[in-house]
Amino acid sequence: MSISTIVTHPDVVVVGGGPAGSTVSALIAQQGYRVQLYEREHFPRFHIGESLIPETYWVLKRLGMLERMRNSRFVKKYSVQFVSSNGKQSAPFYFWDNKAHECSQTWQVVRSEFDLMMLNNAREHGVEAHEGMRVREVLFEGERAIGVRIQRTDDSQEEIRARVVVDASGQSGLLMHKLNLRVWDPILNKGAIWTYWQGAYRDSGRDEGATLVLQTGNQKGWFWYIPLHDDRVSVGVVAPFDYLFKRAGTHEETYLEEVERCPAVKERVSRGKRVTGYFATKDYSYRSTQVAGDGWVLVGDAFGFLDPLYSSGVLLALKSGQLAADAIVEGFRQENLSASQLGKWGPAFNDGVDRMRRLVCEYYDGFSFGQFVKQYPHLKGTVTDLLIGDLFEDRVDSVWEPMESLYQNGKVPPPRWNSGTSPQVAANKVNELMLPEGYRP
């Protein structure tokens, strides 16, 4: 197969057109730099991760997306609520009560629609976005990324040179795989099965768009319950990978067994009709040991995936895209595209992800929001800050010591994520977690 080299060089090539890719590309193009984005699929395309949290507001504002969101059909979301295994509901965590600002109203999105809006917004900011084109590899001279090799729709291949390559390729992790950077979380090893219901129960008023987190009856996992427009509800079960996928039965049988174990979900969906098949994914956590190298940056799921529990996925995609864009633009102006410059945002970003991870681990280890708020009512606002995605300030760390004061029976804080796990250990874990026949990503 012949490979040609493009003579014209963009400043930046972005691999992937999801929220992270569209964010980083739009913000760089806003500053007058030439950006080419390559997405292997054609939009709109299905994707999971439908619930936004309030701190996405600030990136959406920079992107000029707020008016589009306000005029969309997306369901408005004002709160999150937790339901215990015995059906007891916590008081809703209303975002507005914690921060009286328009950012406290967010949205439940259909990702096929939201992602297309984001990509088209990037185009309007000057990004040259190509769909149906696959990036086969990132090109290097020594340790510096110098461009990409793409495969066009007619199967011809071309090499494109760029000053910076941004990997926003999602969980496939183009550079993470090439450079052996992925490290699996030692604790968070989950899977999910979900489907969509029409006409299922939903609250009214400002509670209509609330995300519900419902613990299963055997406390092995939890359900998300996310109301969407067109009277649809996304309902999925998350539990340890082995528990969900190494038992006998189909995805449908496993899902319905878990619904039976969660009366609060069973009651809510009983009035509805299932309108799609069943989807499954491995939602266990990983992160890259680096956010950047000389001439390259990782953003969104191409850098790491945490857990679906607190709906942080889109926020972390947008936030990493914004931080990476600012570092790249600054690097252009300073003529410094080194790893230290392009990845200068990494440590603070990792700290924020670690805070959300701590809250995720606490929930899986039996943390009760109701008990905590009852014992420490003055910290309800700080816990809500974490739930809305206000993760990047040290002040929120005030919750951890009081949380530990409620530990019983020798319980200890969850160990921190360890980026020192060797790539070989990561590779071994992949082999151990081979998905069963019938898995669909």
Protein backbone atom coordinates (compact mmCIF):
# COMPACT_ATOMS: atom_id res chain seq x y z
CA MET A 1 0.00 0.00 0.00
CA SER A 2 1.41 3.38 -0.99
CA ILE A 3 1.74 6.08 1.65
CA SER A 4 1.93 9.73 0.69
CA THR A 5 3.07 12.62 2.86
CA ILE A 6 1.02 15.80 3.14
CA VAL A 7 3.08 18.92 2.47
CA THR A 8 0.91 21.37 4.40
CA HIS A 9 1.46 21.03 8.15
CA PRO A 10 -1.24 21.82 10.72
CA ASP A 11 -0.09 23.09 14.09
CA VAL A 12 -1.99 20.33 15.90
CA VAL A 13 -3.45 16.97 14.96
CA VAL A 14 -6.15 15.64 17.30
CA VAL A 15 -6.98 11.93 17.26
CA GLY A 16 -10.65 11.42 18.17
CA GLY A 17 -13.75 13.59 18.00
CA GLY A 18 -15.44 12.90 21.34
CA PRO A 19 -15.88 15.56 24.04
CA ALA A 20 -12.16 15.65 24.93
CA GLY A 21 -11.05 15.92 21.31
CA SER A 22 -13.62 18.53 20.35
CA THR A 23 -12.77 20.58 23.45
CA VAL A 24 -9.01 20.66 23.02
CA SER A 25 -9.27 21.32 19.29
CA ALA A 26 -11.82 24.15 19.60
CA LEU A 27 -9.87 25.96 22.33
CA ILE A 28 -6.63 25.80 20.35
CA ALA A 29 -8.34 26.93 17.15
CA GLN A 30 -9.87 29.86 19.05
CA GLN A 31 -6.33 31.18 19.44
CA GLY A 32 -5.67 31.16 15.71
CA TYR A 33 -3.78 27.89 15.34
CA ARG A 34 -4.52 25.39 12.61
CA VAL A 35 -6.05 22.19 13.98
CA GLN A 36 -6.94 19.01 12.10
CA LEU A 37 -9.08 16.41 13.88
CA TYR A 38 -9.52 12.81 12.72
CA GLU A 39 -12.41 10.66 13.96
CA ARG A 40 -12.69 7.06 12.79
CA GLU A 41 -16.50 6.89 13.11
CA HIS A 42 -19.25 8.94 11.52
CA PHE A 43 -21.32 11.08 13.89
CA PRO A 44 -23.87 10.79 15.36
CA ARG A 45 -22.74 7.59 17.02
CA PHE A 46 -23.84 5.84 20.19
CA HIS A 47 -21.87 6.37 23.39
CA ILE A 48 -22.51 5.89 27.09
CA GLY A 49 -21.80 8.52 29.76
CA GLU A 50 -24.98 10.60 29.66
CA SER A 51 -25.10 12.51 32.94
CA LEU A 52 -23.24 15.81 33.20
CA ILE A 53 -22.21 17.38 36.49
CA PRO A 54 -22.28 21.13 37.18
CA GLU A 55 -18.56 21.92 36.84
CA THR A 56 -18.79 21.13 33.11
CA TYR A 57 -20.46 24.57 32.87
CA TRP A 58 -17.20 26.48 32.91
CA VAL A 59 -15.63 24.60 30.01
CA LEU A 60 -18.87 24.71 28.04
CA LYS A 61 -18.89 28.46 28.58
CA ARG A 62 -15.38 28.84 27.16
CA LEU A 63 -16.42 26.71 24.19
CA GLY A 64 -19.46 28.88 23.46
CA MET A 65 -21.73 25.89 24.01
CA LEU A 66 -24.07 27.19 26.70
CA GLU A 67 -26.68 28.68 24.40
CA ARG A 68 -26.82 25.44 22.40
CA MET A 69 -27.31 23.49 25.61
CA ARG A 70 -30.06 25.82 26.83
CA ASN A 71 -31.89 25.47 23.51
CA SER A 72 -31.49 21.69 23.37
CA ARG A 73 -34.02 19.03 24.33
CA PHE A 74 -31.74 17.67 27.02
CA VAL A 75 -33.37 17.10 30.41
CA LYS A 76 -32.29 19.62 33.03
CA LYS A 77 -30.55 18.14 36.04
CA TYR A 78 -30.60 19.86 39.44
CA SER A 79 -29.55 17.14 41.88
CA VAL A 80 -28.32 13.66 42.65
CA GLN A 81 -29.98 11.25 45.08
CA PHE A 82 -28.86 8.00 46.69
CA VAL A 83 -31.10 5.05 47.51
CA SER A 84 -29.84 2.37 49.92
CA SER A 85 -30.25 -1.38 49.46
CA ASN A 86 -33.35 -1.32 51.71
CA GLY A 87 -34.97 1.39 49.56
CA LYS A 88 -34.30 4.32 51.90
CA GLN A 89 -33.73 7.51 49.93
CA SER A 90 -31.26 10.17 51.00
CA ALA A 91 -32.30 13.79 50.91
CA PRO A 92 -31.50 15.07 47.40
CA PHE A 93 -28.19 16.89 47.00
CA TYR A 94 -29.51 20.00 45.27
CA PHE A 95 -26.66 21.76 43.53
CA TRP A 96 -28.33 25.18 43.69
CA ASP A 97 -28.64 25.02 47.48
CA ASN A 98 -24.87 24.70 47.61
CA LYS A 99 -24.00 27.25 44.94
CA ALA A 100 -26.61 29.80 43.86
CA HIS A 101 -25.30 30.17 40.32
CA GLU A 102 -26.61 29.11 36.94
CA CYS A 103 -23.80 26.53 36.77
CA SER A 104 -25.78 24.51 39.34
CA GLN A 105 -28.25 23.46 36.69
CA THR A 106 -26.77 20.95 34.29
CA TRP A 107 -28.11 18.37 31.81
CA GLN A 108 -28.77 14.69 31.12
CA VAL A 109 -27.59 14.26 27.54
CA VAL A 110 -28.01 11.75 24.77
CA ARG A 111 -24.39 11.39 23.83
CA SER A 112 -24.96 10.85 20.12
CA GLU A 113 -26.57 14.31 20.03
CA PHE A 114 -24.26 16.00 22.51
CA ASP A 115 -21.05 14.76 20.90
CA LEU A 116 -22.21 15.88 17.46
CA MET A 117 -23.04 19.33 18.87
CA MET A 118 -19.56 19.51 20.37
CA LEU A 119 -17.84 18.44 17.15
CA ASN A 120 -19.83 20.89 15.04
CA ASN A 121 -18.99 23.62 17.55
CA ALA A 122 -15.30 22.82 17.07
CA ARG A 123 -15.77 23.15 13.32
CA GLU A 124 -17.36 26.56 13.81
CA HIS A 125 -14.24 27.63 15.72
CA GLY A 126 -12.10 26.72 12.73
CA VAL A 127 -11.22 23.09 13.37
CA GLU A 128 -10.82 20.97 10.25
CA ALA A 129 -12.65 17.86 11.44
CA HIS A 130 -12.65 14.66 9.37
CA GLU A 131 -14.96 11.73 10.08
CA GLY A 132 -14.56 8.16 8.90
CA MET A 133 -10.77 8.44 8.92
CA ARG A 134 -8.67 6.26 11.16
CA VAL A 135 -5.33 7.25 12.62
CA ARG A 136 -3.17 4.15 12.23
CA GLU A 137 -0.22 5.38 14.26
CA VAL A 138 1.52 8.39 15.75
CA LEU A 139 4.83 9.13 14.05
CA PHE A 140 7.98 9.80 16.06
CA GLU A 141 11.49 11.05 15.50
CA GLY A 142 13.31 9.69 18.50
CA GLU A 143 11.03 10.44 21.46
CA ARG A 144 9.28 13.42 19.84
CA ALA A 145 5.91 13.02 18.12
CA ILE A 146 5.97 14.62 14.68
CA GLY A 147 2.61 13.66 13.17
CA VAL A 148 0.29 10.80 12.33
CA ARG A 149 -0.41 8.25 9.63
CA ILE A 150 -4.07 8.19 8.65
CA GLN A 151 -6.16 5.77 6.63
CA ARG A 152 -8.74 7.37 4.39
CA THR A 153 -12.12 5.96 3.40
CA ASP A 154 -10.65 4.57 0.14
CA ASP A 155 -8.00 2.71 2.22
CA SER A 156 -5.20 4.95 1.00
CA GLN A 157 -2.83 6.13 3.70
CA GLU A 158 -1.17 9.48 4.27
CA GLU A 159 1.33 10.87 6.70
CA ILE A 160 0.57 14.26 8.17
CA ARG A 161 3.19 16.25 10.05
CA ALA A 162 2.19 18.43 13.00
CA ARG A 163 3.91 20.34 15.79
CA VAL A 164 1.75 18.62 18.43
CA VAL A 165 -0.30 15.41 18.44
CA VAL A 166 -3.21 15.17 20.89
CA ASP A 167 -4.49 11.68 21.60
CA ALA A 168 -8.21 11.80 22.37
CA SER A 169 -8.83 8.30 21.01
CA GLY A 170 -10.85 7.13 24.04
CA GLN A 171 -10.40 3.86 25.87
CA SER A 172 -8.57 2.28 22.94
CA GLY A 173 -5.69 4.55 23.96
CA LEU A 174 -3.62 4.83 20.79
CA LEU A 175 -0.49 6.24 22.44
CA MET A 176 -1.12 4.55 25.76
CA HIS A 177 -0.98 1.24 23.94
CA LYS A 178 1.99 2.14 21.74
CA LEU A 179 4.10 3.40 24.67
CA ASN A 180 2.85 0.85 27.22
CA LEU A 181 1.60 3.53 29.64
CA ARG A 182 -1.68 2.07 30.91
CA VAL A 183 -1.90 1.12 34.59
CA TRP A 184 -4.97 -0.61 36.03
CA ASP A 185 -6.48 0.54 39.30
CA PRO A 186 -5.86 -2.10 42.01
CA ILE A 187 -9.30 -1.60 43.58
CA LEU A 188 -11.82 -0.42 40.99
CA ASN A 189 -12.52 -3.38 38.74
CA LYS A 190 -16.12 -3.03 37.65
CA GLY A 191 -18.37 -3.90 34.77
CA ALA A 192 -21.74 -2.59 33.61
CA ILE A 193 -24.82 -3.84 31.78
CA TRP A 194 -27.50 -1.38 30.75
CA THR A 195 -30.52 -0.78 28.57
CA TYR A 196 -33.11 1.93 27.89
CA TRP A 197 -36.72 2.13 29.00
CA GLN A 198 -39.54 4.30 27.72
CA GLY A 199 -42.37 5.41 29.99
CA ALA A 200 -40.60 4.34 33.18
CA TYR A 201 -41.16 6.31 36.38
CA ARG A 202 -39.64 9.76 36.70
CA ASP A 203 -40.13 12.42 39.34
CA SER A 204 -41.65 15.79 38.58
CA GLY A 205 -40.58 19.39 39.01
CA ARG A 206 -36.94 20.02 39.76
CA ASP A 207 -36.54 16.33 40.66
CA GLU A 208 -37.50 15.13 37.17
CA GLY A 209 -33.92 15.20 35.91
CA ALA A 210 -32.21 13.91 39.05
CA THR A 211 -29.62 11.18 38.72
CA LEU A 212 -30.46 8.30 41.06
CA VAL A 213 -27.82 5.95 42.46
CA LEU A 214 -29.60 2.86 43.81
CA GLN A 215 -27.77 0.16 45.71
CA THR A 216 -28.65 -3.42 44.81
CA GLY A 217 -30.34 -5.61 47.41
CA ASN A 218 -27.31 -7.83 47.94
CA GLN A 219 -25.04 -4.75 48.07
CA LYS A 220 -22.84 -6.19 45.33
CA GLY A 221 -23.34 -3.16 43.13
CA TRP A 222 -25.58 -0.26 42.18
CA PHE A 223 -27.89 1.00 39.45
CA TRP A 224 -27.78 4.32 37.66
CA TYR A 225 -31.15 5.78 36.76
CA ILE A 226 -30.83 8.69 34.31
CA PRO A 227 -33.91 10.34 32.78
CA LEU A 228 -33.45 11.44 29.17
CA HIS A 229 -35.63 13.29 26.69
CA ASP A 230 -38.24 11.49 24.57
CA ASP A 231 -39.49 9.88 27.80
CA ARG A 232 -36.51 7.51 27.92
CA VAL A 233 -34.53 6.45 30.96
CA SER A 234 -31.04 4.96 30.94
CA VAL A 235 -30.85 2.23 33.59
CA GLY A 236 -27.65 0.30 34.17
CA VAL A 237 -26.17 -1.96 36.79
CA VAL A 238 -22.53 -1.68 37.88
CA ALA A 239 -20.85 -4.40 39.93
CA PRO A 240 -17.51 -6.23 40.23
CA PHE A 241 -16.41 -7.58 36.87
CA ASP A 242 -16.24 -11.22 37.96
CA TYR A 243 -19.68 -11.00 39.57
CA LEU A 244 -21.36 -9.68 36.42
CA PHE A 245 -19.55 -11.50 33.65
CA LYS A 246 -18.28 -14.80 34.99
CA ARG A 247 -21.65 -16.27 35.91
CA ALA A 248 -23.80 -18.36 33.63
CA GLY A 249 -26.39 -16.60 31.53
CA THR A 250 -26.77 -13.84 28.98
CA HIS A 251 -26.46 -10.12 29.62
CA GLU A 252 -30.26 -9.94 29.64
CA GLU A 253 -30.56 -12.68 32.26
CA THR A 254 -27.91 -11.10 34.47
CA TYR A 255 -29.50 -7.66 34.17
CA LEU A 256 -33.00 -8.90 35.02
CA GLU A 257 -31.65 -10.86 37.99
CA GLU A 258 -30.13 -7.66 39.33
CA VAL A 259 -33.39 -5.75 38.77
CA GLU A 260 -35.13 -8.39 40.89
CA ARG A 261 -32.58 -7.78 43.64
CA CYS A 262 -33.30 -4.04 43.63
CA PRO A 263 -37.01 -3.43 44.33
CA ALA A 264 -36.57 0.35 43.96
CA VAL A 265 -35.46 -0.13 40.34
CA LYS A 266 -37.98 -2.88 39.64
CA GLU A 267 -40.83 -0.65 40.74
CA ARG A 268 -39.62 2.30 38.67
CA VAL A 269 -39.21 0.37 35.41
CA SER A 270 -42.33 -1.77 35.83
CA ARG A 271 -44.52 0.86 34.20
CA GLY A 272 -42.14 1.26 31.25
CA LYS A 273 -41.19 -0.68 28.14
CA ARG A 274 -37.66 -1.65 27.24
CA VAL A 275 -36.84 -0.06 23.87
CA THR A 276 -33.31 -1.25 23.11
CA GLY A 277 -31.16 -4.33 23.52
CA TYR A 278 -28.63 -4.79 26.30
CA PHE A 279 -25.22 -3.16 26.30
CA ALA A 280 -22.18 -4.17 28.33
CA THR A 281 -18.80 -2.71 29.05
CA LYS A 282 -15.86 -3.17 31.38
CA ASP A 283 -15.80 -0.06 33.50
CA TYR A 284 -12.80 -0.81 35.64
CA SER A 285 -10.32 2.01 36.10
CA TYR A 286 -6.99 2.82 34.56
CA ARG A 287 -4.70 5.76 34.08
CA SER A 288 -1.63 6.55 32.05
CA THR A 289 1.71 7.01 33.78
CA GLN A 290 2.15 10.22 31.75
CA VAL A 291 -0.16 12.95 30.47
CA ALA A 292 2.31 14.15 27.87
CA GLY A 293 5.67 13.70 26.17
CA ASP A 294 7.70 15.75 23.72
CA GLY A 295 5.17 16.87 21.11
CA TRP A 296 2.25 14.76 22.38
CA VAL A 297 -0.56 14.95 24.95
CA LEU A 298 -3.24 12.56 26.23
CA VAL A 299 -6.76 13.79 27.09
CA GLY A 300 -10.06 12.22 28.15
CA ASP A 301 -10.31 8.44 28.26
CA ALA A 302 -7.06 8.23 26.28
CA PHE A 303 -5.43 9.34 29.54
CA GLY A 304 -7.63 7.51 32.02
CA PHE A 305 -11.04 6.26 33.04
CA LEU A 306 -12.24 6.46 36.64
CA ASP A 307 -15.70 5.00 37.31
CA PRO A 308 -19.29 5.85 36.29
CA LEU A 309 -20.50 6.27 39.88
CA TYR A 310 -20.53 10.07 40.14
CA SER A 311 -20.87 10.82 36.42
CA SER A 312 -17.44 12.43 36.25
CA GLY A 313 -16.47 11.11 32.79
CA VAL A 314 -17.54 14.05 30.62
CA LEU A 315 -16.23 16.57 33.15
CA LEU A 316 -12.79 14.94 33.16
CA ALA A 317 -12.83 14.82 29.35
CA LEU A 318 -13.69 18.51 29.07
CA LYS A 319 -11.36 19.57 31.88
CA SER A 320 -8.36 17.66 30.53
CA GLY A 321 -9.08 19.04 27.06
CA GLN A 322 -9.15 22.58 28.39
CA LEU A 323 -5.98 22.22 30.46
CA ALA A 324 -4.12 20.55 27.59
CA ALA A 325 -5.22 23.26 25.14
CA ASP A 326 -3.96 26.02 27.44
CA ALA A 327 -0.60 24.25 27.87
CA ILE A 328 -0.24 23.74 24.12
CA VAL A 329 -1.07 27.36 23.27
CA GLU A 330 1.38 28.58 25.92
CA GLY A 331 3.97 26.17 24.51
CA PHE A 332 3.52 27.60 21.01
CA ARG A 333 4.00 31.13 22.30
CA GLN A 334 7.10 30.16 24.26
CA GLU A 335 8.42 27.86 21.50
CA ASN A 336 8.53 25.06 24.04
CA LEU A 337 6.71 21.84 23.15
CA SER A 338 8.54 19.65 25.64
CA ALA A 339 6.92 17.05 27.87
CA SER A 340 7.26 19.31 30.90
CA GLN A 341 5.43 22.17 29.18
CA LEU A 342 2.70 20.15 27.50
CA GLY A 343 2.09 18.10 30.65
CA LYS A 344 2.42 20.86 33.26
CA TRP A 345 -1.27 20.48 34.15
CA GLY A 346 -0.93 16.77 34.92
CA PRO A 347 -0.12 16.77 38.66
CA ALA A 348 -3.03 19.03 39.65
CA PHE A 349 -5.39 17.13 37.36
CA ASN A 350 -4.32 13.81 38.87
CA ASP A 351 -4.95 15.24 42.34
CA GLY A 352 -8.51 16.08 41.29
CA VAL A 353 -9.10 12.63 39.86
CA ASP A 354 -7.72 11.13 43.07
CA ARG A 355 -10.29 13.07 45.10
CA MET A 356 -13.15 11.71 43.04
CA ARG A 357 -11.59 8.25 43.19
CA ARG A 358 -11.47 8.45 46.99
CA LEU A 359 -15.19 9.25 47.08
CA VAL A 360 -15.90 6.36 44.70
CA CYS A 361 -13.89 3.92 46.83
CA GLU A 362 -15.64 5.09 50.01
CA TYR A 363 -19.06 4.40 48.48
CA TYR A 364 -18.05 0.90 47.37
CA ASP A 365 -16.75 0.30 50.90
CA GLY A 366 -20.08 1.19 52.51
CA PHE A 367 -19.95 4.96 52.97
CA SER A 368 -23.36 6.46 53.83
CA PHE A 369 -24.00 10.03 52.72
CA GLY A 370 -26.97 10.27 55.09
CA GLN A 371 -24.99 9.15 58.13
CA PHE A 372 -22.09 11.44 57.27
CA VAL A 373 -24.25 14.54 56.78
CA LYS A 374 -26.16 13.77 59.98
CA GLN A 375 -22.88 13.58 61.91
CA TYR A 376 -21.20 16.50 60.14
CA PRO A 377 -23.96 18.78 58.79
CA HIS A 378 -21.50 21.62 58.24
CA LEU A 379 -19.69 19.49 55.63
CA LYS A 380 -22.73 18.76 53.45
CA GLY A 381 -21.74 21.64 51.19
CA THR A 382 -18.20 20.33 50.80
CA VAL A 383 -19.44 16.84 49.93
CA THR A 384 -21.77 18.44 47.39
CA ASP A 385 -18.79 20.33 45.98
CA LEU A 386 -17.13 17.01 45.30
CA LEU A 387 -20.30 15.61 43.73
CA ILE A 388 -20.60 18.58 41.35
CA GLY A 389 -16.99 18.11 40.24
CA ASP A 390 -15.26 20.87 42.20
CA LEU A 391 -12.23 18.62 42.51
CA PHE A 392 -9.24 20.82 41.95
CA GLU A 393 -8.99 22.80 45.20
CA ASP A 394 -7.32 21.63 48.41
CA ARG A 395 -10.15 22.97 50.59
CA VAL A 396 -12.37 19.96 49.76
CA ASP A 397 -9.87 17.69 51.51
CA SER A 398 -11.50 18.76 54.79
CA VAL A 399 -14.01 15.88 54.40
CA TRP A 400 -11.54 12.99 54.61
CA GLU A 401 -10.60 13.10 58.30
CA PRO A 402 -14.22 13.33 59.50
CA MET A 403 -15.10 10.52 57.10
CA GLU A 404 -12.41 8.34 58.62
CA SER A 405 -13.78 9.07 62.10
CA LEU A 406 -16.85 6.99 61.16
CA TYR A 407 -14.81 3.92 60.23
CA GLN A 408 -15.53 0.73 62.16
CA ASN A 409 -13.98 -2.71 62.63
CA GLY A 410 -10.46 -1.68 61.76
CA LYS A 411 -11.37 -0.19 58.41
CA VAL A 412 -8.63 1.93 56.84
CA PRO A 413 -8.71 4.53 54.04
CA PRO A 414 -8.52 3.09 50.52
CA PRO A 415 -4.94 2.99 49.19
CA ARG A 416 -4.07 5.69 46.71
CA TRP A 417 -3.89 4.84 43.05
CA ASN A 418 -0.33 3.74 42.33
CA SER A 419 1.07 4.87 39.00
CA GLY A 420 4.12 2.74 39.64
CA THR A 421 2.41 -0.51 38.63
CA SER A 422 4.53 -1.99 35.88
CA PRO A 423 3.25 -2.21 32.29
CA GLN A 424 3.71 -5.98 32.44
CA VAL A 425 1.35 -6.19 35.42
CA ALA A 426 -1.14 -4.15 33.40
CA ALA A 427 -0.76 -6.50 30.45
CA ASN A 428 -1.28 -9.53 32.67
CA LYS A 429 -4.49 -8.00 34.04
CA VAL A 430 -5.85 -7.55 30.54
CA ASN A 431 -5.34 -11.24 29.89
CA GLU A 432 -7.05 -12.16 33.16
CA LEU A 433 -10.08 -10.05 32.33
CA MET A 434 -10.85 -11.34 28.85
CA LEU A 435 -14.48 -10.60 28.19
CA PRO A 436 -16.94 -13.43 27.66
CA GLU A 437 -18.38 -14.31 24.30
CA GLY A 438 -21.13 -11.89 23.42
CA TYR A 439 -19.43 -8.87 24.96
CA ARG A 440 -20.09 -5.68 23.09
CA PRO A 441 -18.14 -2.50 23.83
